Amino acid sequence: MTDPVTMMAAGSFAIAGLCLTSAAGLRAWRGWLDLKRLELAEAERRGEPRPPSPAAARIELADLKERVRRLEAIALGIDP
């Protein structure tokens, strides 16, 4: 296995295999993205609201907590 031609052939096959695997992974990734775009388009067509991003959900939760604090202050008679 120390023959340079054999080593070059093995290296070439390894690189070819890596290229094929990478190409298949990229194709699968693009297919998954297309599927998600189709799901979003279908949901939009039916009039369903888009799911909020995690950041938007945290902001909404903080707003709700602030509203609860204000309502508790009003209930206790404290001016917020």
C-alpha atoms as a PDB file:
ATOM      1  CA  MET A   1       0.000   0.000   0.000  1.00  0.00           C
ATOM      2  CA  THR A   2       3.014   2.271  -0.166  1.00  0.00           C
ATOM      3  CA  ASP A   3       2.838   2.510  -3.945  1.00  0.00           C
ATOM      4  CA  PRO A   4       2.266   6.190  -4.896  1.00  0.00           C
ATOM      5  CA  VAL A   5      -0.249   5.276  -7.603  1.00  0.00           C
ATOM      6  CA  THR A   6      -2.308   3.268  -5.125  1.00  0.00           C
ATOM      7  CA  MET A   7      -2.200   6.114  -2.618  1.00  0.00           C
ATOM      8  CA  MET A   8      -3.312   8.601  -5.289  1.00  0.00           C
ATOM      9  CA  ALA A   9      -6.152   6.313  -6.344  1.00  0.00           C
ATOM     10  CA  ALA A  10      -7.319   5.859  -2.738  1.00  0.00           C
ATOM     11  CA  GLY A  11      -7.149   9.606  -2.142  1.00  0.00           C
ATOM     12  CA  SER A  12      -9.072  10.291  -5.339  1.00  0.00           C
ATOM     13  CA  PHE A  13     -11.789   7.834  -4.368  1.00  0.00           C
ATOM     14  CA  ALA A  14     -12.007   9.382  -0.902  1.00  0.00           C
ATOM     15  CA  ILE A  15     -12.364  12.883  -2.349  1.00  0.00           C
ATOM     16  CA  ALA A  16     -14.939  11.685  -4.890  1.00  0.00           C
ATOM     17  CA  GLY A  17     -16.935  10.021  -2.105  1.00  0.00           C
ATOM     18  CA  LEU A  18     -16.790  13.171  -0.017  1.00  0.00           C
ATOM     19  CA  CYS A  19     -17.984  15.252  -2.977  1.00  0.00           C
ATOM     20  CA  LEU A  20     -20.886  12.886  -3.627  1.00  0.00           C
ATOM     21  CA  THR A  21     -21.885  12.876   0.027  1.00  0.00           C
ATOM     22  CA  SER A  22     -21.688  16.673   0.185  1.00  0.00           C
ATOM     23  CA  ALA A  23     -23.766  17.028  -2.979  1.00  0.00           C
ATOM     24  CA  ALA A  24     -26.410  14.655  -1.613  1.00  0.00           C
ATOM     25  CA  GLY A  25     -26.516  16.551   1.675  1.00  0.00           C
ATOM     26  CA  LEU A  26     -26.862  19.877  -0.125  1.00  0.00           C
ATOM     27  CA  ARG A  27     -29.674  18.520  -2.265  1.00  0.00           C
ATOM     28  CA  ALA A  28     -31.470  17.207   0.830  1.00  0.00           C
ATOM     29  CA  TRP A  29     -31.033  20.575   2.583  1.00  0.00           C
ATOM     30  CA  ARG A  30     -32.489  22.430  -0.405  1.00  0.00           C
ATOM     31  CA  GLY A  31     -35.389  19.985  -0.534  1.00  0.00           C
ATOM     32  CA  TRP A  32     -36.091  20.532   3.162  1.00  0.00           C
ATOM     33  CA  LEU A  33     -36.025  24.311   2.669  1.00  0.00           C
ATOM     34  CA  ASP A  34     -38.425  24.003  -0.274  1.00  0.00           C
ATOM     35  CA  LEU A  35     -40.747  21.898   1.879  1.00  0.00           C
ATOM     36  CA  LYS A  36     -40.746  24.512   4.637  1.00  0.00           C
ATOM     37  CA  ARG A  37     -41.416  27.291   2.113  1.00  0.00           C
ATOM     38  CA  LEU A  38     -44.326  25.262   0.734  1.00  0.00           C
ATOM     39  CA  GLU A  39     -45.726  24.717   4.236  1.00  0.00           C
ATOM     40  CA  LEU A  40     -45.509  28.447   4.997  1.00  0.00           C
ATOM     41  CA  ALA A  41     -47.143  29.347   1.686  1.00  0.00           C
ATOM     42  CA  GLU A  42     -49.952  26.853   2.293  1.00  0.00           C
ATOM     43  CA  ALA A  43     -50.536  28.163   5.809  1.00  0.00           C
ATOM     44  CA  GLU A  44     -50.571  31.727   4.496  1.00  0.00           C
ATOM     45  CA  ARG A  45     -53.051  30.754   1.784  1.00  0.00           C
ATOM     46  CA  ARG A  46     -55.377  29.299   4.428  1.00  0.00           C
ATOM     47  CA  GLY A  47     -55.060  32.500   6.446  1.00  0.00           C
ATOM     48  CA  GLU A  48     -53.206  31.014   9.402  1.00  0.00           C
ATOM     49  CA  PRO A  49     -50.901  33.418  11.203  1.00  0.00           C
ATOM     50  CA  ARG A  50     -47.165  32.849  10.940  1.00  0.00           C
ATOM     51  CA  PRO A  51     -45.536  31.318  13.996  1.00  0.00           C
ATOM     52  CA  PRO A  52     -43.741  33.984  16.009  1.00  0.00           C
ATOM     53  CA  SER A  53     -39.988  33.946  16.213  1.00  0.00           C
ATOM     54  CA  PRO A  54     -38.435  33.036  19.578  1.00  0.00           C
ATOM     55  CA  ALA A  55     -37.386  36.660  20.082  1.00  0.00           C
ATOM     56  CA  ALA A  56     -40.926  37.889  19.411  1.00  0.00           C
ATOM     57  CA  ALA A  57     -42.298  35.325  21.853  1.00  0.00           C
ATOM     58  CA  ARG A  58     -39.915  36.540  24.586  1.00  0.00           C
ATOM     59  CA  ILE A  59     -40.878  40.171  23.946  1.00  0.00           C
ATOM     60  CA  GLU A  60     -44.567  39.294  24.101  1.00  0.00           C
ATOM     61  CA  LEU A  61     -44.026  37.396  27.357  1.00  0.00           C
ATOM     62  CA  ALA A  62     -42.181  40.381  28.864  1.00  0.00           C
ATOM     63  CA  ASP A  63     -45.046  42.668  27.820  1.00  0.00           C
ATOM     64  CA  LEU A  64     -47.575  40.352  29.445  1.00  0.00           C
ATOM     65  CA  LYS A  65     -45.550  40.243  32.667  1.00  0.00           C
ATOM     66  CA  GLU A  66     -45.421  44.043  32.727  1.00  0.00           C
ATOM     67  CA  ARG A  67     -49.186  44.237  32.238  1.00  0.00           C
ATOM     68  CA  VAL A  68     -49.710  41.793  35.125  1.00  0.00           C
ATOM     69  CA  ARG A  69     -47.457  43.917  37.372  1.00  0.00           C
ATOM     70  CA  ARG A  70     -49.446  47.029  36.483  1.00  0.00           C
ATOM     71  CA  LEU A  71     -52.762  45.287  37.151  1.00  0.00           C
ATOM     72  CA  GLU A  72     -51.489  43.991  40.501  1.00  0.00           C
ATOM     73  CA  ALA A  73     -50.363  47.498  41.416  1.00  0.00           C
ATOM     74  CA  ILE A  74     -53.779  48.881  40.509  1.00  0.00           C
ATOM     75  CA  ALA A  75     -55.467  46.137  42.551  1.00  0.00           C
ATOM     76  CA  LEU A  76     -53.304  46.998  45.573  1.00  0.00           C
ATOM     77  CA  GLY A  77     -53.994  50.701  45.154  1.00  0.00           C
ATOM     78  CA  ILE A  78     -50.397  51.569  44.327  1.00  0.00           C
ATOM     79  CA  ASP A  79     -49.864  54.142  41.576  1.00  0.00           C
ATOM     80  CA  PRO A  80     -47.585  52.451  39.001  1.00  0.00           C
END
